[in-house]
Amino acid sequence: MKKVASMRKWPMVSSLINAFGAVRRVHFPVFFLLLLIGLPCTAQPLKLEGQWVEVPRLFQCAETSTSQCDGMTPVDHVNKTGGRYLWQGTFELGQATPLVVDFENSSVIGRFHHRVFDDQGHLFAEAEGGIQSTTPNPFFLRHGREFMLQPGHYRLTTEISSPFFLAQPAPYLDTLSHYQQAIKPANALTLLCLGALLGLMFYYTVLAGIRCNATDGLYALFILGNMLYNGTALLVFNDLFGLHWFYLISFPILLSNGIYILFVLRLLDITRTGNPRLYRLGVALLGLFATFVLLAMAKPHWSLELDRIGVALFLGYGLLSGVTRMRQGHFSAPMYLAAVLVFFALGALAISLGKMAGLNTLYVEHLGLLAVTLEALLLALVLARQFSQLRLQFEQEHVHATHDALTGLQNRRGFVEAGNFEVERSKRYGRPLSVIYLDLDNFKQLNDMRGHDVGDAALTAIAHALRAALRTNDLLARLGGDEFAMLLPEIGAEAATEVGKKIHLAVNNALQEFSPVTASIGVIRFARVTQTFPEIMKDADELMYEVKKAGKNNVSFRHYD
């Protein structure tokens, strides 16, 4: 009980628990997914020892010997802002087997050139490729190159050049048979996530057009930027469409970072007057990201590093905005916070990692792709929740518009809507139908003598009596004042007569405490409906007034074949 009381006292705590609970529910399947993908992605590399050296821009390495490449200063890692590097390593092969040379950690490589030398220093085989190269990739979405080598001692030199690097590429050797299996899970993840993003982008684009909602359009653009980045970085555009523009990796993200800030401002209703600090911070970040774009145009090789900074900033802003707006009770904030927490965890990992230890065919890029896909899917749940809330509000407003506040019965508007439908259905299928019109006698006297509260009590009592006397599929309404109407579908003439008498008796019993009020009732019975609903109601109303003229407190019947 104390815990419940505390949660009621501090609604923010309850919202945080719900948000983190959602994240915890998401984390397990994410971890399980990575485990399923990661285990097959572990290659079985041959022993390959070597190190990177930075190569002067104009230096040419001899094709028949590696001696001219010796003596250069080794480097621990490649520079993320790009450059030209040479890797030299040796390996021993005991039997003839087809081998594959590929890179681990990242596929963001502009150009590469593998050369295999035998123990005499003669060039035995070579292969090249890269995102900027027009050389086709023999393995789908991979930089892998196949070599058929005889037993012996070999030296591998790999030269790479790139405007920038996402992570630390490192050559490794694997047997062809194992490599072909090891690349499948990560390739499947790439296509699955990009397919999901494509579908979500189309979904948000359509919603933006239908709802004229800029929020949906902004998120569609954010997804587009990430698709361009991931499609280029993971070689999808290279292999499928022959696109080799390397800067599709960085420039779309520079733009999508700013788009995400605009999206958060609109999604969480962050305004200049409502949340001035968050609003000013968002505007400041937009200005900073615009500066990043200009700087990247002047220094393209810095564009990916500016992306990293931008991603870290917008993730932090999204997290701060989600917590703040949740504390303020914003409807969408808890679900958004759950989505951005997952995005923050995987996104922060993706922009900070340099290596994927042991997972040779799973890249850092895959983590970033998974992060944005999961966030987009979770934000679709936010949208679904918004739609659910809108539908609930619509239903509540419709109930208020079509039902009487005092008795809970349908009002005239609701009765007309339902009545038109039932009459048309009865006409279409040739089914019988009856309408009952009830008007209270002397009701004004009751209000004048005993007050409107007693009059309201009389109306409520009649409503209860009528509900009890009718079937569940019969329509019952208070048309206004002291008038009630009932529509009885699928009922024969004799049964309708019995119901009319039953209603007259039930109403008089309910009115015993509200003298001198009685009821005049007209019952119209149709074996086959030919009139419209307004005509039927008019007929029933006239029949009820005939009862009043004849002395009130009675029920009259009229039958149509």
Protein backbone atom coordinates (compact mmCIF):
# COMPACT_ATOMS: atom_id res chain seq x y z
CA MET A 1 0.00 0.00 0.00
CA LYS A 2 2.87 2.38 0.77
CA LYS A 3 4.36 1.71 -2.68
CA VAL A 4 1.04 2.47 -4.37
CA ALA A 5 0.63 5.64 -2.34
CA SER A 6 4.14 6.73 -3.25
CA MET A 7 3.49 6.19 -6.96
CA ARG A 8 0.29 8.21 -6.71
CA LYS A 9 2.13 10.97 -4.93
CA TRP A 10 4.93 10.99 -7.47
CA PRO A 11 3.46 10.33 -10.95
CA MET A 12 6.89 10.92 -12.50
CA VAL A 13 8.23 7.86 -10.66
CA SER A 14 5.40 5.76 -12.04
CA SER A 15 6.06 7.03 -15.58
CA LEU A 16 9.79 6.36 -15.26
CA ILE A 17 9.12 2.83 -14.05
CA ASN A 18 6.82 2.23 -17.01
CA ALA A 19 9.36 3.67 -19.45
CA PHE A 20 12.28 1.68 -18.07
CA GLY A 21 10.08 -1.39 -17.90
CA ALA A 22 9.42 -1.01 -21.61
CA VAL A 23 13.15 -0.66 -22.26
CA ARG A 24 13.88 -3.75 -20.17
CA ARG A 25 11.32 -5.71 -22.17
CA VAL A 26 13.03 -4.53 -25.36
CA HIS A 27 16.61 -5.14 -24.16
CA PHE A 28 16.21 -8.89 -23.78
CA PRO A 29 15.04 -9.53 -27.35
CA VAL A 30 17.71 -7.12 -28.62
CA PHE A 31 20.41 -8.98 -26.70
CA PHE A 32 19.01 -12.30 -27.89
CA LEU A 33 18.94 -11.03 -31.50
CA LEU A 34 22.55 -9.86 -31.31
CA LEU A 35 23.54 -13.21 -29.79
CA LEU A 36 21.84 -15.14 -32.60
CA ILE A 37 23.48 -12.95 -35.21
CA GLY A 38 26.83 -12.64 -33.49
CA LEU A 39 27.57 -16.32 -32.98
CA PRO A 40 27.47 -17.27 -36.68
CA CYS A 41 29.34 -14.06 -37.53
CA THR A 42 32.41 -15.27 -35.69
CA ALA A 43 34.85 -16.22 -38.40
CA GLN A 44 37.64 -18.80 -38.16
CA PRO A 45 40.58 -16.67 -39.26
CA LEU A 46 43.93 -18.11 -40.07
CA LYS A 47 46.83 -16.86 -38.02
CA LEU A 48 47.78 -13.55 -39.58
CA GLU A 49 50.23 -11.21 -37.92
CA GLY A 50 50.89 -7.70 -39.12
CA GLN A 51 50.44 -3.98 -38.52
CA TRP A 52 49.28 -0.79 -40.21
CA VAL A 53 51.73 1.83 -41.44
CA GLU A 54 50.77 5.24 -42.78
CA VAL A 55 51.76 5.70 -46.41
CA PRO A 56 52.77 9.07 -47.90
CA ARG A 57 50.24 10.22 -50.47
CA LEU A 58 52.60 10.01 -53.48
CA PHE A 59 54.42 6.84 -52.41
CA GLN A 60 54.19 3.89 -54.82
CA CYS A 61 54.65 0.40 -53.40
CA ALA A 62 56.46 -2.06 -55.72
CA GLU A 63 54.38 -4.89 -57.08
CA THR A 64 57.20 -7.44 -57.12
CA SER A 65 58.55 -6.87 -53.63
CA THR A 66 57.53 -5.41 -50.32
CA SER A 67 60.96 -4.16 -49.35
CA GLN A 68 60.18 -0.60 -50.36
CA CYS A 69 57.23 -0.62 -47.93
CA ASP A 70 59.42 -1.66 -45.00
CA GLY A 71 60.83 0.87 -42.59
CA MET A 72 57.76 3.08 -42.44
CA THR A 73 56.46 4.21 -39.05
CA PRO A 74 53.83 1.79 -37.71
CA VAL A 75 50.55 3.20 -36.39
CA ASP A 76 48.25 1.71 -33.78
CA HIS A 77 45.12 2.66 -35.69
CA VAL A 78 44.02 4.44 -38.82
CA ASN A 79 43.04 8.08 -38.59
CA LYS A 80 39.24 8.47 -38.57
CA THR A 81 39.52 11.58 -40.72
CA GLY A 82 40.94 9.47 -43.55
CA GLY A 83 44.26 8.84 -45.18
CA ARG A 84 46.27 6.15 -46.92
CA TYR A 85 47.55 3.13 -45.02
CA LEU A 86 49.37 -0.09 -45.71
CA TRP A 87 49.01 -3.30 -43.75
CA GLN A 88 51.68 -6.02 -43.96
CA GLY A 89 51.30 -9.47 -42.48
CA THR A 90 52.51 -13.02 -42.97
CA PHE A 91 50.73 -16.35 -42.83
CA GLU A 92 51.54 -20.02 -43.32
CA LEU A 93 49.32 -22.35 -45.37
CA GLY A 94 49.64 -26.09 -44.85
CA GLN A 95 47.35 -27.26 -47.62
CA ALA A 96 45.85 -25.91 -50.81
CA THR A 97 42.50 -24.31 -50.04
CA PRO A 98 40.41 -21.39 -51.30
CA LEU A 99 40.75 -18.45 -48.92
CA VAL A 100 38.94 -15.16 -48.55
CA VAL A 101 40.55 -11.88 -47.47
CA ASP A 102 38.12 -9.40 -45.91
CA PHE A 103 38.06 -6.62 -43.33
CA GLU A 104 36.64 -6.84 -39.84
CA ASN A 105 35.02 -4.07 -37.74
CA SER A 106 33.85 -1.86 -40.62
CA SER A 107 32.99 -1.79 -44.31
CA VAL A 108 33.53 1.99 -44.67
CA ILE A 109 36.57 1.82 -46.92
CA GLY A 110 37.01 4.00 -49.99
CA ARG A 111 39.48 1.83 -51.89
CA PHE A 112 41.62 -1.19 -51.06
CA HIS A 113 44.23 -3.26 -52.87
CA HIS A 114 45.33 -6.71 -51.66
CA ARG A 115 48.64 -8.16 -52.85
CA VAL A 116 49.83 -11.66 -51.93
CA PHE A 117 53.59 -12.34 -52.23
CA ASP A 118 55.27 -15.72 -51.97
CA ASP A 119 58.33 -16.37 -49.80
CA GLN A 120 60.58 -15.28 -52.66
CA GLY A 121 58.97 -11.82 -52.74
CA HIS A 122 57.18 -12.40 -56.04
CA LEU A 123 53.65 -11.14 -56.52
CA PHE A 124 51.42 -14.23 -56.50
CA ALA A 125 47.90 -12.72 -56.59
CA GLU A 126 46.11 -9.41 -56.13
CA ALA A 127 42.60 -7.96 -55.87
CA GLU A 128 41.06 -4.55 -55.34
CA GLY A 129 37.74 -2.93 -54.50
CA GLY A 130 36.05 -0.53 -52.11
CA ILE A 131 33.00 1.72 -52.02
CA GLN A 132 34.62 4.18 -54.44
CA SER A 133 35.82 1.40 -56.75
CA THR A 134 33.74 0.19 -59.69
CA THR A 135 35.15 -3.35 -59.29
CA PRO A 136 32.18 -5.69 -58.61
CA ASN A 137 32.05 -7.43 -55.23
CA PRO A 138 32.08 -11.24 -55.62
CA PHE A 139 30.34 -11.60 -52.23
CA PHE A 140 27.06 -9.76 -51.66
CA LEU A 141 27.42 -6.74 -49.32
CA ARG A 142 31.04 -7.66 -48.59
CA HIS A 143 34.56 -6.57 -49.49
CA GLY A 144 35.74 -10.20 -49.46
CA ARG A 145 38.14 -11.31 -52.17
CA GLU A 146 38.87 -14.97 -52.93
CA PHE A 147 42.38 -16.41 -53.46
CA MET A 148 43.37 -19.97 -54.33
CA LEU A 149 46.78 -20.59 -52.73
CA GLN A 150 49.11 -23.58 -52.58
CA PRO A 151 50.83 -24.68 -49.36
CA GLY A 152 53.63 -22.33 -48.35
CA HIS A 153 54.64 -19.14 -46.61
CA TYR A 154 53.04 -15.87 -47.83
CA ARG A 155 53.07 -12.16 -47.19
CA LEU A 156 49.87 -10.16 -47.52
CA THR A 157 50.00 -6.42 -48.08
CA THR A 158 46.76 -4.47 -48.04
CA GLU A 159 46.68 -0.85 -49.06
CA ILE A 160 43.61 1.22 -48.16
CA SER A 161 42.69 4.83 -48.78
CA SER A 162 39.53 6.61 -47.69
CA PRO A 163 38.25 10.16 -47.07
CA PHE A 164 37.34 8.98 -43.55
CA PHE A 165 36.93 5.79 -41.52
CA LEU A 166 34.03 4.79 -39.27
CA ALA A 167 35.97 2.17 -37.28
CA GLN A 168 39.30 0.38 -37.44
CA PRO A 169 39.44 -1.94 -40.49
CA ALA A 170 41.72 -4.95 -40.15
CA PRO A 171 42.36 -7.64 -42.80
CA TYR A 172 41.65 -11.24 -41.87
CA LEU A 173 41.73 -14.60 -43.65
CA ASP A 174 38.98 -17.19 -43.59
CA THR A 175 38.27 -20.37 -45.48
CA LEU A 176 35.80 -19.88 -48.32
CA SER A 177 33.27 -22.42 -47.03
CA HIS A 178 33.11 -20.91 -43.55
CA TYR A 179 33.13 -17.33 -44.80
CA GLN A 180 30.13 -17.95 -47.05
CA GLN A 181 28.11 -19.10 -44.04
CA ALA A 182 29.45 -16.52 -41.59
CA ILE A 183 28.35 -13.50 -43.66
CA LYS A 184 24.72 -14.61 -44.00
CA PRO A 185 23.27 -13.52 -40.61
CA ALA A 186 24.66 -9.99 -40.72
CA ASN A 187 23.64 -9.61 -44.37
CA ALA A 188 20.14 -10.75 -43.43
CA LEU A 189 20.10 -8.18 -40.61
CA THR A 190 21.11 -5.46 -43.09
CA LEU A 191 18.33 -6.28 -45.52
CA LEU A 192 15.74 -6.83 -42.79
CA CYS A 193 16.46 -3.49 -41.09
CA LEU A 194 16.63 -1.53 -44.34
CA GLY A 195 13.37 -3.15 -45.45
CA ALA A 196 11.74 -2.18 -42.16
CA LEU A 197 13.04 1.39 -42.49
CA LEU A 198 11.79 1.62 -46.06
CA GLY A 199 8.33 0.49 -44.99
CA LEU A 200 8.28 2.89 -42.03
CA MET A 201 9.49 5.77 -44.19
CA PHE A 202 6.63 5.13 -46.64
CA TYR A 203 4.22 4.84 -43.70
CA TYR A 204 5.26 8.15 -42.15
CA THR A 205 5.27 9.85 -45.56
CA VAL A 206 1.70 8.75 -46.24
CA LEU A 207 0.63 9.85 -42.75
CA ALA A 208 2.25 13.23 -43.28
CA GLY A 209 0.22 13.70 -46.46
CA ILE A 210 -3.06 12.42 -45.04
CA ARG A 211 -2.85 14.21 -41.70
CA CYS A 212 -0.99 17.28 -43.01
CA ASN A 213 1.32 16.69 -40.06
CA ALA A 214 4.91 17.97 -40.27
CA THR A 215 5.98 15.69 -37.40
CA ASP A 216 5.40 12.56 -39.50
CA GLY A 217 7.15 14.16 -42.49
CA LEU A 218 10.19 15.08 -40.40
CA TYR A 219 10.60 11.54 -39.12
CA ALA A 220 10.26 10.18 -42.66
CA LEU A 221 13.17 12.46 -43.67
CA PHE A 222 15.18 11.31 -40.66
CA ILE A 223 14.68 7.68 -41.73
CA LEU A 224 15.65 8.58 -45.31
CA GLY A 225 18.94 10.08 -44.12
CA ASN A 226 19.76 6.93 -42.16
CA MET A 227 18.83 4.71 -45.09
CA LEU A 228 21.19 6.62 -47.38
CA TYR A 229 23.97 6.32 -44.81
CA ASN A 230 23.48 2.62 -44.02
CA GLY A 231 22.74 1.64 -47.62
CA THR A 232 26.05 3.15 -48.72
CA ALA A 233 28.17 2.11 -45.73
CA LEU A 234 26.96 -1.49 -45.87
CA LEU A 235 27.44 -1.72 -49.68
CA VAL A 236 23.74 -2.14 -50.53
CA PHE A 237 23.68 0.77 -52.98
CA ASN A 238 27.10 -0.27 -54.27
CA ASP A 239 26.03 -3.84 -55.08
CA LEU A 240 22.42 -3.25 -56.15
CA PHE A 241 22.53 0.12 -57.89
CA GLY A 242 26.19 0.73 -58.71
CA LEU A 243 26.34 3.91 -56.57
CA HIS A 244 29.86 4.80 -55.43
CA TRP A 245 29.48 8.32 -53.98
CA PHE A 246 31.33 7.91 -50.69
CA TYR A 247 29.89 11.01 -49.02
CA LEU A 248 26.39 9.46 -48.95
CA ILE A 249 27.78 7.95 -45.76
CA SER A 250 28.22 11.27 -44.00
CA PHE A 251 26.27 14.19 -45.50
CA PRO A 252 22.75 12.69 -45.12
CA ILE A 253 23.43 12.18 -41.40
CA LEU A 254 24.53 15.81 -41.02
CA LEU A 255 21.10 16.84 -42.29
CA SER A 256 19.12 14.16 -40.45
CA ASN A 257 20.65 15.22 -37.11
CA GLY A 258 18.99 18.62 -37.44
CA ILE A 259 15.78 17.03 -38.71
CA TYR A 260 15.65 14.88 -35.58
CA ILE A 261 15.82 17.97 -33.36
CA LEU A 262 12.87 19.48 -35.25
CA PHE A 263 11.02 16.17 -34.90
CA VAL A 264 11.51 16.09 -31.12
CA LEU A 265 10.38 19.71 -30.79
CA ARG A 266 7.12 18.89 -32.57
CA LEU A 267 6.51 15.41 -31.16
CA LEU A 268 6.85 16.56 -27.54
CA ASP A 269 5.21 19.97 -28.14
CA ILE A 270 8.28 21.91 -27.00
CA THR A 271 7.46 25.58 -27.57
CA ARG A 272 9.05 28.92 -26.85
CA THR A 273 6.44 29.77 -24.22
CA GLY A 274 5.75 26.33 -22.78
CA ASN A 275 9.33 25.04 -22.45
CA PRO A 276 11.64 28.00 -23.09
CA ARG A 277 14.88 26.33 -21.97
CA LEU A 278 14.39 23.15 -24.00
CA TYR A 279 13.23 25.23 -26.95
CA ARG A 280 16.27 27.51 -26.84
CA LEU A 281 18.58 24.50 -26.49
CA GLY A 282 16.94 22.87 -29.53
CA VAL A 283 17.31 26.04 -31.59
CA ALA A 284 20.95 26.33 -30.52
CA LEU A 285 21.60 22.75 -31.65
CA LEU A 286 19.96 23.49 -34.99
CA GLY A 287 22.32 26.44 -35.43
CA LEU A 288 25.29 24.27 -34.49
CA PHE A 289 24.28 21.54 -36.94
CA ALA A 290 23.93 24.13 -39.70
CA THR A 291 27.52 25.18 -38.91
CA PHE A 292 28.55 21.51 -39.12
CA VAL A 293 27.11 21.30 -42.65
CA LEU A 294 29.09 24.34 -43.77
CA LEU A 295 32.24 23.04 -42.11
CA ALA A 296 31.81 19.63 -43.75
CA MET A 297 31.49 21.26 -47.15
CA ALA A 298 34.83 22.97 -46.56
CA LYS A 299 36.48 19.94 -44.92
CA PRO A 300 34.70 16.83 -46.30
CA HIS A 301 37.07 14.40 -44.58
CA TRP A 302 35.80 15.75 -41.23
CA SER A 303 32.15 15.13 -42.12
CA LEU A 304 31.85 11.73 -40.41
CA GLU A 305 33.45 13.03 -37.21
CA LEU A 306 30.95 15.88 -37.23
CA ASP A 307 28.26 13.22 -37.65
CA ARG A 308 29.46 11.48 -34.48
CA ILE A 309 29.30 14.71 -32.50
CA GLY A 310 25.87 15.51 -33.93
CA VAL A 311 24.47 12.06 -33.11
CA ALA A 312 25.75 12.30 -29.54
CA LEU A 313 24.16 15.74 -29.17
CA PHE A 314 20.75 14.89 -30.58
CA LEU A 315 20.61 11.65 -28.57
CA GLY A 316 21.36 13.63 -25.43
CA TYR A 317 18.77 16.24 -26.37
CA GLY A 318 16.16 13.56 -27.06
CA LEU A 319 16.84 11.92 -23.71
CA LEU A 320 16.68 15.22 -21.82
CA SER A 321 13.49 16.25 -23.63
CA GLY A 322 11.84 12.88 -23.00
CA VAL A 323 12.53 12.98 -19.26
CA THR A 324 11.49 16.62 -18.93
CA ARG A 325 8.25 16.27 -20.85
CA MET A 326 7.40 13.05 -19.04
CA ARG A 327 7.75 14.89 -15.73
CA GLN A 328 5.37 17.50 -17.10
CA GLY A 329 2.82 14.81 -17.96
CA HIS A 330 3.06 14.84 -21.75
CA PHE A 331 1.05 11.97 -23.22
CA SER A 332 3.65 10.65 -25.69
CA ALA A 333 6.75 11.26 -23.58
CA PRO A 334 6.95 7.88 -21.71
CA MET A 335 6.76 5.82 -24.90
CA TYR A 336 9.17 8.18 -26.67
CA LEU A 337 11.57 7.91 -23.74
CA ALA A 338 11.53 4.12 -23.98
CA ALA A 339 12.36 4.38 -27.70
CA VAL A 340 15.14 6.93 -27.27
CA LEU A 341 16.73 4.97 -24.40
CA VAL A 342 17.17 1.94 -26.68
CA PHE A 343 18.43 4.24 -29.43
CA PHE A 344 20.77 5.96 -26.96
CA ALA A 345 22.27 2.67 -25.71
CA LEU A 346 22.94 1.14 -29.13
CA GLY A 347 23.65 4.47 -30.86
CA ALA A 348 26.23 5.53 -28.28
CA LEU A 349 27.90 2.15 -28.66
CA ALA A 350 27.94 2.45 -32.44
CA ILE A 351 29.56 5.91 -32.53
CA SER A 352 32.15 5.06 -29.87
CA LEU A 353 33.28 1.55 -30.85
CA GLY A 354 36.37 1.10 -32.97
CA LYS A 355 36.37 -2.69 -33.03
CA MET A 356 33.95 -5.62 -32.88
CA ALA A 357 36.16 -8.16 -31.13
CA GLY A 358 35.70 -11.68 -32.47
CA LEU A 359 32.72 -10.80 -34.68
CA ASN A 360 34.52 -10.58 -37.99
CA THR A 361 31.45 -10.32 -40.22
CA LEU A 362 29.34 -8.15 -37.90
CA TYR A 363 30.30 -4.49 -38.26
CA VAL A 364 29.93 -1.40 -36.12
CA GLU A 365 27.61 -0.17 -38.86
CA HIS A 366 25.22 -3.02 -38.07
CA LEU A 367 24.82 -1.73 -34.50
CA GLY A 368 23.93 1.74 -35.76
CA LEU A 369 21.45 0.31 -38.26
CA LEU A 370 19.84 -1.84 -35.58
CA ALA A 371 19.65 1.17 -33.23
CA VAL A 372 17.76 3.41 -35.65
CA THR A 373 15.49 0.56 -36.78
CA LEU A 374 14.48 -0.29 -33.22
CA GLU A 375 13.80 3.36 -32.44
CA ALA A 376 11.67 3.73 -35.56
CA LEU A 377 9.69 0.61 -34.64
CA LEU A 378 9.19 1.79 -31.06
CA LEU A 379 8.13 5.24 -32.24
CA ALA A 380 5.55 3.52 -34.43
CA LEU A 381 4.12 2.25 -31.13
CA VAL A 382 4.00 5.88 -29.94
CA LEU A 383 2.03 6.73 -33.06
CA ALA A 384 -0.25 3.73 -32.53
CA ARG A 385 -0.88 4.88 -28.98
CA GLN A 386 -1.73 8.36 -30.24
CA PHE A 387 -4.18 6.86 -32.73
CA SER A 388 -5.69 4.76 -29.95
CA GLN A 389 -6.12 7.82 -27.78
CA LEU A 390 -7.66 9.79 -30.66
CA ARG A 391 -10.06 6.95 -31.35
CA LEU A 392 -11.01 6.78 -27.67
CA GLN A 393 -11.59 10.53 -27.61
CA PHE A 394 -13.66 10.28 -30.79
CA GLU A 395 -15.75 7.49 -29.32
CA GLN A 396 -16.26 9.44 -26.11
CA GLU A 397 -17.26 12.55 -28.04
CA HIS A 398 -19.59 10.48 -30.18
CA VAL A 399 -21.19 9.00 -27.06
CA HIS A 400 -21.64 12.49 -25.62
CA ALA A 401 -23.11 13.71 -28.89
CA THR A 402 -25.52 10.77 -29.33
CA HIS A 403 -26.57 10.00 -25.74
CA ASP A 404 -28.67 11.74 -23.13
CA ALA A 405 -26.63 12.88 -20.14
CA LEU A 406 -29.41 12.28 -17.57
CA THR A 407 -30.65 8.81 -18.47
CA GLY A 408 -27.72 7.43 -20.49
CA LEU A 409 -30.12 6.55 -23.30
CA GLN A 410 -29.57 7.55 -26.90
CA ASN A 411 -30.69 11.08 -27.71
CA ARG A 412 -32.60 12.12 -30.81
CA ARG A 413 -29.43 12.34 -32.93
CA GLY A 414 -28.21 8.89 -31.95
CA PHE A 415 -31.66 7.38 -32.39
CA VAL A 416 -32.05 8.86 -35.87
CA GLU A 417 -28.61 7.52 -36.94
CA ALA A 418 -29.34 4.02 -35.66
CA GLY A 419 -32.97 4.10 -36.77
CA ASN A 420 -32.15 4.98 -40.38
CA PHE A 421 -29.76 2.04 -40.52
CA GLU A 422 -32.26 -0.44 -39.05
CA VAL A 423 -35.10 0.69 -41.30
CA GLU A 424 -32.94 0.34 -44.42
CA ARG A 425 -31.81 -3.10 -43.26
CA SER A 426 -35.40 -4.20 -42.68
CA LYS A 427 -36.35 -2.96 -46.16
CA ARG A 428 -33.42 -4.75 -47.78
CA TYR A 429 -34.15 -8.13 -46.19
CA GLY A 430 -37.94 -7.81 -45.89
CA ARG A 431 -37.94 -8.21 -42.12
CA PRO A 432 -40.67 -7.03 -39.69
CA LEU A 433 -40.12 -3.99 -37.50
CA SER A 434 -41.99 -2.00 -34.86
CA VAL A 435 -41.67 1.51 -33.45
CA ILE A 436 -42.98 2.67 -30.08
CA TYR A 437 -43.49 6.32 -29.23
CA LEU A 438 -44.04 7.27 -25.57
CA ASP A 439 -44.95 10.65 -24.11
CA LEU A 440 -45.54 11.36 -20.41
CA ASP A 441 -48.82 12.85 -19.28
CA ASN A 442 -48.91 15.68 -16.75
CA PHE A 443 -45.12 15.81 -16.47
CA LYS A 444 -45.08 19.61 -16.28
CA GLN A 445 -47.36 19.45 -13.22
CA LEU A 446 -44.86 17.15 -11.49
CA ASN A 447 -42.01 19.60 -12.13
CA ASP A 448 -44.11 22.55 -10.97
CA MET A 449 -45.39 20.86 -7.80
CA ARG A 450 -42.35 18.84 -6.66
CA GLY A 451 -39.40 20.37 -8.49
CA HIS A 452 -37.15 19.44 -11.36
CA ASP A 453 -35.06 17.07 -9.25
CA VAL A 454 -38.11 14.88 -8.76
CA GLY A 455 -38.89 15.19 -12.47
CA ASP A 456 -35.36 14.02 -13.30
CA ALA A 457 -35.81 11.08 -10.92
CA ALA A 458 -39.03 10.15 -12.74
CA LEU A 459 -37.25 10.21 -16.10
CA THR A 460 -34.44 8.04 -14.74
CA ALA A 461 -36.93 5.55 -13.30
CA ILE A 462 -38.70 5.32 -16.66
CA ALA A 463 -35.39 4.72 -18.42
CA HIS A 464 -34.65 1.79 -16.07
CA ALA A 465 -38.12 0.36 -16.59
CA LEU A 466 -37.86 0.58 -20.37
CA ARG A 467 -34.43 -1.08 -20.43
CA ALA A 468 -35.78 -3.97 -18.37
CA ALA A 469 -38.79 -4.42 -20.66
CA LEU A 470 -36.86 -4.45 -23.97
CA ARG A 471 -34.47 -6.87 -25.64
CA THR A 472 -30.76 -6.11 -25.83
CA ASN A 473 -30.93 -5.50 -29.61
CA ASP A 474 -33.85 -3.05 -29.35
CA LEU A 475 -33.11 0.67 -29.69
CA LEU A 476 -34.19 2.99 -26.88
CA ALA A 477 -33.90 6.77 -26.77
CA ARG A 478 -35.00 9.84 -24.89
CA LEU A 479 -35.88 12.21 -27.69
CA GLY A 480 -36.05 15.22 -25.41
CA GLY A 481 -38.11 16.46 -22.46
CA ASP A 482 -40.59 13.71 -21.56
CA GLU A 483 -40.61 11.91 -24.92
CA PHE A 484 -39.16 8.41 -25.42
CA ALA A 485 -38.95 6.23 -28.51
CA MET A 486 -38.14 2.58 -29.14
CA LEU A 487 -37.35 0.66 -32.31
CA LEU A 488 -37.80 -3.11 -32.26
CA PRO A 489 -36.21 -4.92 -35.24
CA GLU A 490 -37.08 -8.49 -36.22
CA ILE A 491 -40.34 -8.66 -34.25
CA GLY A 492 -43.78 -9.88 -35.34
CA ALA A 493 -47.11 -8.11 -34.81
CA GLU A 494 -48.26 -10.24 -31.86
CA ALA A 495 -44.93 -9.97 -30.08
CA ALA A 496 -44.88 -6.20 -30.65
CA THR A 497 -48.37 -5.94 -29.15
CA GLU A 498 -47.24 -7.83 -26.06
CA VAL A 499 -44.19 -5.60 -25.71
CA GLY A 500 -46.35 -2.47 -26.00
CA LYS A 501 -48.63 -3.66 -23.21
CA LYS A 502 -45.62 -4.72 -21.13
CA ILE A 503 -44.04 -1.31 -21.50
CA HIS A 504 -47.25 0.48 -20.52
CA LEU A 505 -47.51 -1.62 -17.37
CA ALA A 506 -43.80 -1.23 -16.49
CA VAL A 507 -43.90 2.55 -16.93
CA ASN A 508 -47.03 2.95 -14.80
CA ASN A 509 -45.42 0.86 -12.07
CA ALA A 510 -42.30 3.03 -12.21
CA LEU A 511 -44.45 6.19 -12.02
CA GLN A 512 -46.39 5.24 -8.90
CA GLU A 513 -44.14 7.49 -6.80
CA PHE A 514 -44.50 10.35 -9.28
CA SER A 515 -48.24 11.04 -9.38
CA PRO A 516 -50.00 12.43 -11.41
CA VAL A 517 -47.67 11.38 -14.22
CA THR A 518 -48.82 8.63 -16.60
CA ALA A 519 -47.82 7.59 -20.14
CA SER A 520 -49.46 7.67 -23.57
CA ILE A 521 -48.00 5.16 -26.03
CA GLY A 522 -48.35 4.57 -29.77
CA VAL A 523 -47.09 1.32 -31.34
CA ILE A 524 -46.61 1.03 -35.12
CA ARG A 525 -46.10 -2.52 -36.46
CA PHE A 526 -44.72 -3.35 -39.92
CA ALA A 527 -44.78 -6.80 -41.46
CA ARG A 528 -42.80 -5.30 -44.33
CA VAL A 529 -41.28 -1.82 -44.20
CA THR A 530 -42.00 0.52 -47.11
CA GLN A 531 -41.70 3.94 -45.41
CA THR A 532 -38.62 5.93 -44.47
CA PHE A 533 -37.59 6.27 -40.86
CA PRO A 534 -38.80 9.92 -40.53
CA GLU A 535 -42.18 8.87 -41.96
CA ILE A 536 -42.43 6.01 -39.48
CA MET A 537 -41.58 8.30 -36.56
CA LYS A 538 -44.17 10.83 -37.67
CA ASP A 539 -46.79 8.09 -37.90
CA ALA A 540 -45.96 6.83 -34.40
CA ASP A 541 -46.03 10.37 -32.99
CA GLU A 542 -49.50 10.98 -34.47
CA LEU A 543 -50.76 7.68 -33.04
CA MET A 544 -49.45 8.63 -29.59
CA TYR A 545 -51.29 11.98 -29.77
CA GLU A 546 -54.49 10.16 -30.63
CA VAL A 547 -54.10 8.35 -27.31
CA LYS A 548 -53.70 11.67 -25.52
CA LYS A 549 -56.82 13.07 -27.20
CA ALA A 550 -58.75 9.95 -26.19
CA GLY A 551 -58.00 10.44 -22.47
CA LYS A 552 -54.28 9.69 -22.00
CA ASN A 553 -52.67 6.83 -20.04
CA ASN A 554 -53.18 4.17 -22.64
CA VAL A 555 -51.49 2.33 -25.50
CA SER A 556 -52.72 2.23 -29.11
CA PHE A 557 -51.60 -0.05 -31.97
CA ARG A 558 -51.48 0.32 -35.74
CA HIS A 559 -50.45 -2.45 -38.10
CA TYR A 560 -49.12 -2.29 -41.68
CA ASP A 561 -48.84 -5.43 -43.83
